[in-house]
Amino acid sequence: MNFADAVPKAPPKTDNLMIKKSFTWNSRIRHLLQRLGWDFHRYPTTRMTVILRRSLLKSLEIRTFLDVGANTGEFAEDVRKDGFNESILSFEPLSSAFDELMRRSDSDVRWECFNCAVGRENGTAVIHVAGNSVSSSLLPMAELHSSAAPDSVIKFTEKVSVRRLSDICDERKPEFPAYLKIDTQGYELEVLRGAESHLTRIPAIELEVSISELYKGQPLFPDVHQFLENHGYYLASLEEGFVDREINRILQAECIYLRKGSI
């Protein structure tokens, strides 16, 4: 017997062959589309709001992340995973969500949490607690919201303390510049009004705005936009947020505003 015949032969490299064929077909299809005036690209899986936030935290040399409406801390945790190592101040009024927020932040010495809502005036208020927690608001929920997201209906109310962001900043003296994120379900303008004296030190604001009334008496996108424009900001990014897929209607949008001259 020939020794060479006794040596097991390597199986044909079918995987590599299939990959080469795939690339060949992709190239041919793309070439054909380009001749017809079309092209195709891989669709990004990361939202543009997230991409811009990551860039701004670095380029603006942000020293403090103000997390208003922190819920259980998932947003701030994502910011940490993205490489932000500076101070985080999180504000969450719901007692159950705050307990989880404290557990999540416990081992992070640069992450401080406050069990309060943020608004225009210091005091107390009643928060309407939604079934899904994240839709809870200091404002009563409108029918449009509950019909578009049945799991968000209000289950009970809870009395909470409310603090002005400017007062907290005066007391805690966080380092600036700061990045302000607001997720307060219709209470955005009240948060901003309670932070007016510090807005010149906040070059970037990320917030949810409502296109339609989801909470009774809330300001809508034009009101929030006008306030921020009047205070020296411009709209840098707008992306769809809460959408009623049954009727293809955008109900909320995610926005990032930048202070003029900050970039």
C-alpha atoms as a PDB file:
ATOM      1  CA  MET A   1       0.000   0.000   0.000  1.00  0.00           C
ATOM      2  CA  ASN A   2       1.248   3.465  -0.873  1.00  0.00           C
ATOM      3  CA  PHE A   3       1.938   5.468   2.309  1.00  0.00           C
ATOM      4  CA  ALA A   4       0.343   8.538   0.782  1.00  0.00           C
ATOM      5  CA  ASP A   5      -2.886   6.592   0.275  1.00  0.00           C
ATOM      6  CA  ALA A   6      -3.009   5.771   4.012  1.00  0.00           C
ATOM      7  CA  VAL A   7      -2.917   9.423   5.103  1.00  0.00           C
ATOM      8  CA  PRO A   8      -6.469  10.773   5.582  1.00  0.00           C
ATOM      9  CA  LYS A   9      -7.232  13.449   3.083  1.00  0.00           C
ATOM     10  CA  ALA A  10      -8.457  16.813   4.353  1.00  0.00           C
ATOM     11  CA  PRO A  11     -12.132  17.428   3.610  1.00  0.00           C
ATOM     12  CA  PRO A  12     -12.807  19.979   0.911  1.00  0.00           C
ATOM     13  CA  LYS A  13     -13.018  23.534   2.229  1.00  0.00           C
ATOM     14  CA  THR A  14     -16.707  23.897   1.472  1.00  0.00           C
ATOM     15  CA  ASP A  15     -17.214  26.654   4.067  1.00  0.00           C
ATOM     16  CA  ASN A  16     -14.583  28.885   2.484  1.00  0.00           C
ATOM     17  CA  LEU A  17     -15.983  28.082  -0.941  1.00  0.00           C
ATOM     18  CA  MET A  18     -19.496  29.073   0.143  1.00  0.00           C
ATOM     19  CA  ILE A  19     -18.208  32.342   1.656  1.00  0.00           C
ATOM     20  CA  LYS A  20     -16.375  33.178  -1.574  1.00  0.00           C
ATOM     21  CA  LYS A  21     -19.487  32.416  -3.610  1.00  0.00           C
ATOM     22  CA  SER A  22     -21.566  34.580  -1.266  1.00  0.00           C
ATOM     23  CA  PHE A  23     -19.186  37.511  -1.661  1.00  0.00           C
ATOM     24  CA  THR A  24     -19.203  36.993  -5.427  1.00  0.00           C
ATOM     25  CA  TRP A  25     -23.003  37.069  -5.613  1.00  0.00           C
ATOM     26  CA  ASN A  26     -23.176  40.093  -3.286  1.00  0.00           C
ATOM     27  CA  SER A  27     -20.699  41.919  -5.509  1.00  0.00           C
ATOM     28  CA  ARG A  28     -22.650  41.046  -8.661  1.00  0.00           C
ATOM     29  CA  ILE A  29     -25.962  42.126  -7.120  1.00  0.00           C
ATOM     30  CA  ARG A  30     -24.466  45.363  -5.836  1.00  0.00           C
ATOM     31  CA  HIS A  31     -22.854  46.084  -9.198  1.00  0.00           C
ATOM     32  CA  LEU A  32     -26.199  45.540 -10.932  1.00  0.00           C
ATOM     33  CA  LEU A  33     -28.008  47.836  -8.480  1.00  0.00           C
ATOM     34  CA  GLN A  34     -25.365  50.533  -8.900  1.00  0.00           C
ATOM     35  CA  ARG A  35     -25.843  50.423 -12.679  1.00  0.00           C
ATOM     36  CA  LEU A  36     -29.550  51.074 -12.024  1.00  0.00           C
ATOM     37  CA  GLY A  37     -28.709  53.984  -9.731  1.00  0.00           C
ATOM     38  CA  TRP A  38     -29.162  52.165  -6.407  1.00  0.00           C
ATOM     39  CA  ASP A  39     -26.843  51.015  -3.627  1.00  0.00           C
ATOM     40  CA  PHE A  40     -27.261  49.094  -0.362  1.00  0.00           C
ATOM     41  CA  HIS A  41     -25.566  49.328   3.018  1.00  0.00           C
ATOM     42  CA  ARG A  42     -25.806  47.477   6.307  1.00  0.00           C
ATOM     43  CA  TYR A  43     -28.482  49.135   8.487  1.00  0.00           C
ATOM     44  CA  PRO A  44     -27.023  50.312  11.831  1.00  0.00           C
ATOM     45  CA  THR A  45     -28.496  48.464  14.817  1.00  0.00           C
ATOM     46  CA  THR A  46     -27.495  51.171  17.324  1.00  0.00           C
ATOM     47  CA  ARG A  47     -29.861  54.132  17.508  1.00  0.00           C
ATOM     48  CA  MET A  48     -28.477  57.466  16.332  1.00  0.00           C
ATOM     49  CA  THR A  49     -29.375  59.070  19.681  1.00  0.00           C
ATOM     50  CA  VAL A  50     -27.051  56.618  21.441  1.00  0.00           C
ATOM     51  CA  ILE A  51     -24.246  57.167  18.932  1.00  0.00           C
ATOM     52  CA  LEU A  52     -24.477  60.954  19.309  1.00  0.00           C
ATOM     53  CA  ARG A  53     -24.628  60.735  23.119  1.00  0.00           C
ATOM     54  CA  ARG A  54     -21.468  58.626  23.239  1.00  0.00           C
ATOM     55  CA  SER A  55     -19.684  61.164  21.067  1.00  0.00           C
ATOM     56  CA  LEU A  56     -20.890  64.194  23.047  1.00  0.00           C
ATOM     57  CA  LEU A  57     -19.890  62.796  26.435  1.00  0.00           C
ATOM     58  CA  LYS A  58     -16.310  62.689  25.145  1.00  0.00           C
ATOM     59  CA  SER A  59     -16.130  65.729  22.861  1.00  0.00           C
ATOM     60  CA  LEU A  60     -17.797  68.068  25.375  1.00  0.00           C
ATOM     61  CA  GLU A  61     -15.614  66.676  28.189  1.00  0.00           C
ATOM     62  CA  ILE A  62     -18.687  66.084  30.364  1.00  0.00           C
ATOM     63  CA  ARG A  63     -17.897  65.859  34.075  1.00  0.00           C
ATOM     64  CA  THR A  64     -21.375  65.049  35.438  1.00  0.00           C
ATOM     65  CA  PHE A  65     -24.300  63.081  33.982  1.00  0.00           C
ATOM     66  CA  LEU A  66     -27.634  64.324  35.397  1.00  0.00           C
ATOM     67  CA  ASP A  67     -30.076  61.407  35.117  1.00  0.00           C
ATOM     68  CA  VAL A  68     -33.566  62.833  35.771  1.00  0.00           C
ATOM     69  CA  GLY A  69     -36.209  60.109  35.746  1.00  0.00           C
ATOM     70  CA  ALA A  70     -33.744  57.303  36.390  1.00  0.00           C
ATOM     71  CA  ASN A  71     -36.280  54.525  37.030  1.00  0.00           C
ATOM     72  CA  THR A  72     -34.189  51.470  38.056  1.00  0.00           C
ATOM     73  CA  GLY A  73     -30.918  52.839  36.684  1.00  0.00           C
ATOM     74  CA  GLU A  74     -30.772  51.004  33.367  1.00  0.00           C
ATOM     75  CA  PHE A  75     -30.032  54.203  31.434  1.00  0.00           C
ATOM     76  CA  ALA A  76     -27.158  55.274  33.690  1.00  0.00           C
ATOM     77  CA  GLU A  77     -25.787  51.746  33.651  1.00  0.00           C
ATOM     78  CA  ASP A  78     -25.669  51.855  29.840  1.00  0.00           C
ATOM     79  CA  VAL A  79     -23.789  55.161  30.028  1.00  0.00           C
ATOM     80  CA  ARG A  80     -21.245  53.487  32.291  1.00  0.00           C
ATOM     81  CA  LYS A  81     -20.894  50.564  29.875  1.00  0.00           C
ATOM     82  CA  ASP A  82     -20.241  53.070  27.097  1.00  0.00           C
ATOM     83  CA  GLY A  83     -17.145  54.223  28.966  1.00  0.00           C
ATOM     84  CA  PHE A  84     -18.333  57.258  30.947  1.00  0.00           C
ATOM     85  CA  ASN A  85     -16.371  57.212  34.214  1.00  0.00           C
ATOM     86  CA  GLU A  86     -17.283  60.604  35.670  1.00  0.00           C
ATOM     87  CA  SER A  87     -19.988  61.450  38.225  1.00  0.00           C
ATOM     88  CA  ILE A  88     -23.630  60.404  37.786  1.00  0.00           C
ATOM     89  CA  LEU A  89     -26.503  61.966  39.735  1.00  0.00           C
ATOM     90  CA  SER A  90     -29.731  59.972  39.367  1.00  0.00           C
ATOM     91  CA  PHE A  91     -33.195  61.147  40.438  1.00  0.00           C
ATOM     92  CA  GLU A  92     -36.118  58.745  40.848  1.00  0.00           C
ATOM     93  CA  PRO A  93     -39.320  59.384  42.856  1.00  0.00           C
ATOM     94  CA  LEU A  94     -40.930  55.900  42.804  1.00  0.00           C
ATOM     95  CA  SER A  95     -40.071  53.949  45.969  1.00  0.00           C
ATOM     96  CA  SER A  96     -39.967  50.514  44.271  1.00  0.00           C
ATOM     97  CA  ALA A  97     -37.862  51.712  41.338  1.00  0.00           C
ATOM     98  CA  PHE A  98     -35.564  53.631  43.689  1.00  0.00           C
ATOM     99  CA  ASP A  99     -34.841  50.483  45.717  1.00  0.00           C
ATOM    100  CA  GLU A 100     -33.623  48.748  42.548  1.00  0.00           C
ATOM    101  CA  LEU A 101     -31.709  51.875  41.532  1.00  0.00           C
ATOM    102  CA  MET A 102     -29.855  51.827  44.849  1.00  0.00           C
ATOM    103  CA  ARG A 103     -28.962  48.154  44.457  1.00  0.00           C
ATOM    104  CA  ARG A 104     -27.692  48.783  40.932  1.00  0.00           C
ATOM    105  CA  SER A 105     -25.552  51.769  41.931  1.00  0.00           C
ATOM    106  CA  ASP A 106     -24.362  50.415  45.285  1.00  0.00           C
ATOM    107  CA  SER A 107     -20.834  49.457  44.202  1.00  0.00           C
ATOM    108  CA  ASP A 108     -20.264  52.614  42.126  1.00  0.00           C
ATOM    109  CA  VAL A 109     -18.749  55.344  44.322  1.00  0.00           C
ATOM    110  CA  ARG A 110     -19.258  57.988  41.606  1.00  0.00           C
ATOM    111  CA  TRP A 111     -22.974  57.319  41.202  1.00  0.00           C
ATOM    112  CA  GLU A 112     -25.220  59.203  43.660  1.00  0.00           C
ATOM    113  CA  CYS A 113     -28.997  58.647  43.836  1.00  0.00           C
ATOM    114  CA  PHE A 114     -31.838  60.876  45.059  1.00  0.00           C
ATOM    115  CA  ASN A 115     -35.328  59.606  45.941  1.00  0.00           C
ATOM    116  CA  CYS A 116     -37.283  62.559  44.564  1.00  0.00           C
ATOM    117  CA  ALA A 117     -38.958  63.995  41.508  1.00  0.00           C
ATOM    118  CA  VAL A 118     -37.487  67.071  39.837  1.00  0.00           C
ATOM    119  CA  GLY A 119     -39.610  70.106  39.029  1.00  0.00           C
ATOM    120  CA  ARG A 120     -40.034  73.880  38.994  1.00  0.00           C
ATOM    121  CA  GLU A 121     -40.642  74.250  42.748  1.00  0.00           C
ATOM    122  CA  ASN A 122     -39.628  72.371  45.890  1.00  0.00           C
ATOM    123  CA  GLY A 123     -42.481  70.555  47.623  1.00  0.00           C
ATOM    124  CA  THR A 124     -44.516  67.368  47.373  1.00  0.00           C
ATOM    125  CA  ALA A 125     -46.699  65.894  44.654  1.00  0.00           C
ATOM    126  CA  VAL A 126     -48.706  62.811  43.782  1.00  0.00           C
ATOM    127  CA  ILE A 127     -47.247  60.513  41.117  1.00  0.00           C
ATOM    128  CA  HIS A 128     -49.473  58.222  39.064  1.00  0.00           C
ATOM    129  CA  VAL A 129     -47.805  54.807  39.047  1.00  0.00           C
ATOM    130  CA  ALA A 130     -48.189  52.903  35.785  1.00  0.00           C
ATOM    131  CA  GLY A 131     -48.345  49.163  35.374  1.00  0.00           C
ATOM    132  CA  ASN A 132     -45.070  49.171  33.470  1.00  0.00           C
ATOM    133  CA  SER A 133     -43.411  51.641  35.907  1.00  0.00           C
ATOM    134  CA  VAL A 134     -41.570  53.608  33.169  1.00  0.00           C
ATOM    135  CA  SER A 135     -44.795  55.375  32.117  1.00  0.00           C
ATOM    136  CA  SER A 136     -45.424  56.759  35.608  1.00  0.00           C
ATOM    137  CA  SER A 137     -45.917  60.520  35.736  1.00  0.00           C
ATOM    138  CA  LEU A 138     -46.761  63.453  37.960  1.00  0.00           C
ATOM    139  CA  LEU A 139     -49.512  64.146  35.421  1.00  0.00           C
ATOM    140  CA  PRO A 140     -52.638  62.019  34.881  1.00  0.00           C
ATOM    141  CA  MET A 141     -52.406  59.685  31.888  1.00  0.00           C
ATOM    142  CA  ALA A 142     -54.459  60.544  28.789  1.00  0.00           C
ATOM    143  CA  GLU A 143     -56.606  57.980  27.002  1.00  0.00           C
ATOM    144  CA  LEU A 144     -54.380  58.029  23.902  1.00  0.00           C
ATOM    145  CA  HIS A 145     -51.486  56.648  25.945  1.00  0.00           C
ATOM    146  CA  SER A 146     -53.392  53.877  27.717  1.00  0.00           C
ATOM    147  CA  SER A 147     -55.067  52.735  24.495  1.00  0.00           C
ATOM    148  CA  ALA A 148     -51.752  52.602  22.622  1.00  0.00           C
ATOM    149  CA  ALA A 149     -50.002  50.770  25.489  1.00  0.00           C
ATOM    150  CA  PRO A 150     -52.520  48.876  27.676  1.00  0.00           C
ATOM    151  CA  ASP A 151     -49.762  47.661  30.021  1.00  0.00           C
ATOM    152  CA  SER A 152     -49.130  51.285  31.022  1.00  0.00           C
ATOM    153  CA  VAL A 153     -52.484  51.993  32.697  1.00  0.00           C
ATOM    154  CA  ILE A 154     -52.295  53.645  36.107  1.00  0.00           C
ATOM    155  CA  LYS A 155     -52.458  51.190  39.032  1.00  0.00           C
ATOM    156  CA  PHE A 156     -52.165  53.480  42.062  1.00  0.00           C
ATOM    157  CA  THR A 157     -50.729  56.806  43.253  1.00  0.00           C
ATOM    158  CA  GLU A 158     -47.856  57.638  45.561  1.00  0.00           C
ATOM    159  CA  LYS A 159     -46.867  60.832  47.370  1.00  0.00           C
ATOM    160  CA  VAL A 160     -43.339  61.974  46.505  1.00  0.00           C
ATOM    161  CA  SER A 161     -41.020  64.886  47.216  1.00  0.00           C
ATOM    162  CA  VAL A 162     -40.112  67.323  44.438  1.00  0.00           C
ATOM    163  CA  ARG A 163     -36.826  69.253  44.223  1.00  0.00           C
ATOM    164  CA  ARG A 164     -35.504  71.960  41.911  1.00  0.00           C
ATOM    165  CA  LEU A 165     -32.435  70.776  40.009  1.00  0.00           C
ATOM    166  CA  SER A 166     -30.736  74.151  40.488  1.00  0.00           C
ATOM    167  CA  ASP A 167     -31.088  73.854  44.278  1.00  0.00           C
ATOM    168  CA  ILE A 168     -29.632  70.348  44.275  1.00  0.00           C
ATOM    169  CA  CYS A 169     -26.706  71.510  42.150  1.00  0.00           C
ATOM    170  CA  ASP A 170     -26.083  74.409  44.549  1.00  0.00           C
ATOM    171  CA  GLU A 171     -26.063  71.968  47.479  1.00  0.00           C
ATOM    172  CA  ARG A 172     -24.088  69.077  45.968  1.00  0.00           C
ATOM    173  CA  LYS A 173     -21.815  71.231  43.775  1.00  0.00           C
ATOM    174  CA  PRO A 174     -21.302  68.723  40.921  1.00  0.00           C
ATOM    175  CA  GLU A 175     -18.551  69.387  38.425  1.00  0.00           C
ATOM    176  CA  PHE A 176     -19.484  71.034  35.156  1.00  0.00           C
ATOM    177  CA  PRO A 177     -20.017  70.857  32.209  1.00  0.00           C
ATOM    178  CA  ALA A 178     -22.956  68.490  32.701  1.00  0.00           C
ATOM    179  CA  TYR A 179     -25.094  66.401  30.362  1.00  0.00           C
ATOM    180  CA  LEU A 180     -28.783  66.527  31.308  1.00  0.00           C
ATOM    181  CA  LYS A 181     -31.051  63.588  30.458  1.00  0.00           C
ATOM    182  CA  ILE A 182     -34.776  63.975  31.180  1.00  0.00           C
ATOM    183  CA  ASP A 183     -37.300  61.130  31.077  1.00  0.00           C
ATOM    184  CA  THR A 184     -40.252  62.401  33.105  1.00  0.00           C
ATOM    185  CA  GLN A 185     -43.317  61.560  31.003  1.00  0.00           C
ATOM    186  CA  GLY A 186     -44.792  64.987  30.261  1.00  0.00           C
ATOM    187  CA  TYR A 187     -42.988  66.872  33.047  1.00  0.00           C
ATOM    188  CA  GLU A 188     -39.971  67.920  30.964  1.00  0.00           C
ATOM    189  CA  LEU A 189     -40.711  71.644  30.923  1.00  0.00           C
ATOM    190  CA  GLU A 190     -41.115  71.728  34.710  1.00  0.00           C
ATOM    191  CA  VAL A 191     -37.703  70.082  35.099  1.00  0.00           C
ATOM    192  CA  LEU A 192     -36.116  72.642  32.763  1.00  0.00           C
ATOM    193  CA  ARG A 193     -37.745  75.580  34.535  1.00  0.00           C
ATOM    194  CA  GLY A 194     -36.325  74.348  37.817  1.00  0.00           C
ATOM    195  CA  ALA A 195     -32.845  74.232  36.278  1.00  0.00           C
ATOM    196  CA  GLU A 196     -32.799  77.618  34.507  1.00  0.00           C
ATOM    197  CA  SER A 197     -30.003  79.149  36.579  1.00  0.00           C
ATOM    198  CA  HIS A 198     -27.641  76.312  35.598  1.00  0.00           C
ATOM    199  CA  LEU A 199     -28.497  75.843  31.912  1.00  0.00           C
ATOM    200  CA  THR A 200     -25.498  77.884  30.761  1.00  0.00           C
ATOM    201  CA  ARG A 201     -23.308  75.144  32.274  1.00  0.00           C
ATOM    202  CA  ILE A 202     -25.196  72.328  30.554  1.00  0.00           C
ATOM    203  CA  PRO A 203     -24.134  72.098  26.879  1.00  0.00           C
ATOM    204  CA  ALA A 204     -26.286  69.054  26.019  1.00  0.00           C
ATOM    205  CA  ILE A 205     -29.826  68.023  26.955  1.00  0.00           C
ATOM    206  CA  GLU A 206     -31.392  64.693  25.974  1.00  0.00           C
ATOM    207  CA  LEU A 207     -35.113  64.273  26.546  1.00  0.00           C
ATOM    208  CA  GLU A 208     -38.313  62.598  25.418  1.00  0.00           C
ATOM    209  CA  VAL A 209     -40.928  64.945  23.982  1.00  0.00           C
ATOM    210  CA  SER A 210     -44.551  64.196  23.182  1.00  0.00           C
ATOM    211  CA  ILE A 211     -45.968  64.862  19.725  1.00  0.00           C
ATOM    212  CA  SER A 212     -49.518  64.165  20.944  1.00  0.00           C
ATOM    213  CA  GLU A 213     -50.994  64.541  24.426  1.00  0.00           C
ATOM    214  CA  LEU A 214     -50.145  61.414  26.388  1.00  0.00           C
ATOM    215  CA  TYR A 215     -50.567  63.039  29.803  1.00  0.00           C
ATOM    216  CA  LYS A 216     -53.316  65.515  30.630  1.00  0.00           C
ATOM    217  CA  GLY A 217     -52.188  69.129  30.449  1.00  0.00           C
ATOM    218  CA  GLN A 218     -48.634  68.348  29.394  1.00  0.00           C
ATOM    219  CA  PRO A 219     -46.593  70.621  27.111  1.00  0.00           C
ATOM    220  CA  LEU A 220     -45.985  69.205  23.634  1.00  0.00           C
ATOM    221  CA  PHE A 221     -42.893  69.250  21.439  1.00  0.00           C
ATOM    222  CA  PRO A 222     -43.376  72.841  20.121  1.00  0.00           C
ATOM    223  CA  ASP A 223     -43.554  74.193  23.700  1.00  0.00           C
ATOM    224  CA  VAL A 224     -40.398  72.401  24.841  1.00  0.00           C
ATOM    225  CA  HIS A 225     -38.580  73.303  21.629  1.00  0.00           C
ATOM    226  CA  GLN A 226     -39.457  76.999  21.990  1.00  0.00           C
ATOM    227  CA  PHE A 227     -38.263  77.065  25.612  1.00  0.00           C
ATOM    228  CA  LEU A 228     -34.918  75.527  24.706  1.00  0.00           C
ATOM    229  CA  GLU A 229     -34.442  77.793  21.695  1.00  0.00           C
ATOM    230  CA  ASN A 230     -35.134  80.810  23.909  1.00  0.00           C
ATOM    231  CA  HIS A 231     -32.420  79.573  26.281  1.00  0.00           C
ATOM    232  CA  GLY A 232     -29.738  79.216  23.632  1.00  0.00           C
ATOM    233  CA  TYR A 233     -30.154  75.618  22.430  1.00  0.00           C
ATOM    234  CA  TYR A 234     -30.736  74.111  19.004  1.00  0.00           C
ATOM    235  CA  LEU A 235     -32.140  70.732  18.002  1.00  0.00           C
ATOM    236  CA  ALA A 236     -29.257  68.427  17.058  1.00  0.00           C
ATOM    237  CA  SER A 237     -31.049  65.076  16.860  1.00  0.00           C
ATOM    238  CA  LEU A 238     -34.635  63.807  16.675  1.00  0.00           C
ATOM    239  CA  GLU A 239     -35.572  60.126  16.534  1.00  0.00           C
ATOM    240  CA  GLU A 240     -38.881  58.306  16.875  1.00  0.00           C
ATOM    241  CA  GLY A 241     -39.632  56.917  20.318  1.00  0.00           C
ATOM    242  CA  PHE A 242     -43.093  55.702  21.350  1.00  0.00           C
ATOM    243  CA  VAL A 243     -45.079  54.739  18.241  1.00  0.00           C
ATOM    244  CA  ASP A 244     -48.648  53.447  17.947  1.00  0.00           C
ATOM    245  CA  ARG A 245     -48.060  50.741  15.333  1.00  0.00           C
ATOM    246  CA  GLU A 246     -51.780  50.114  14.907  1.00  0.00           C
ATOM    247  CA  ILE A 247     -52.242  53.489  13.237  1.00  0.00           C
ATOM    248  CA  ASN A 248     -48.572  54.270  12.384  1.00  0.00           C
ATOM    249  CA  ARG A 249     -48.555  57.374  14.565  1.00  0.00           C
ATOM    250  CA  ILE A 250     -45.481  58.735  16.337  1.00  0.00           C
ATOM    251  CA  LEU A 251     -46.474  59.705  19.879  1.00  0.00           C
ATOM    252  CA  GLN A 252     -43.094  60.523  21.396  1.00  0.00           C
ATOM    253  CA  ALA A 253     -39.680  61.418  20.027  1.00  0.00           C
ATOM    254  CA  GLU A 254     -36.191  61.273  21.520  1.00  0.00           C
ATOM    255  CA  CYS A 255     -34.280  64.532  21.120  1.00  0.00           C
ATOM    256  CA  ILE A 256     -30.831  65.896  21.842  1.00  0.00           C
ATOM    257  CA  TYR A 257     -30.375  69.666  22.089  1.00  0.00           C
ATOM    258  CA  LEU A 258     -27.007  71.373  22.056  1.00  0.00           C
ATOM    259  CA  ARG A 259     -26.113  74.777  23.403  1.00  0.00           C
ATOM    260  CA  LYS A 260     -25.101  77.200  20.669  1.00  0.00           C
ATOM    261  CA  GLY A 261     -21.314  77.488  20.515  1.00  0.00           C
ATOM    262  CA  SER A 262     -20.717  74.285  22.506  1.00  0.00           C
ATOM    263  CA  ILE A 263     -19.352  72.398  19.502  1.00  0.00           C
END
